[in-house]
Amino acid sequence: MYKFESRNKSIRSKNVGYLDSVLRVLLGSLIVVVGFMFDNWLGLLGLILVITGGLAWCPIYKIFGIRTCKPDLESAV
């Protein structure tokens, strides 16, 4: 069976740093709450920030090659 990850590096390696993750979760939570308060479905977009902050991985960062985490923390995924 073919494995999608090697021992040293997985396909989804961490590319969002600690501060970036915390800000994403806080801002995303705020957007979700405000969206629900005003009965606006756009508040659900805040879930994207919460999820990417919680996973410490952003697909847009991956596409553009952006990393806000320290290289030694990548293995902590």
Foldseek 3Di string as FASTA:
>chain_A
DDDQQDPPAHPFWAQAALVQLVVLLVVLVVLLVVCVVVVHPVNCVSVLSNVCSVVNGDVVCVVVVHGPHDPVCRVVD
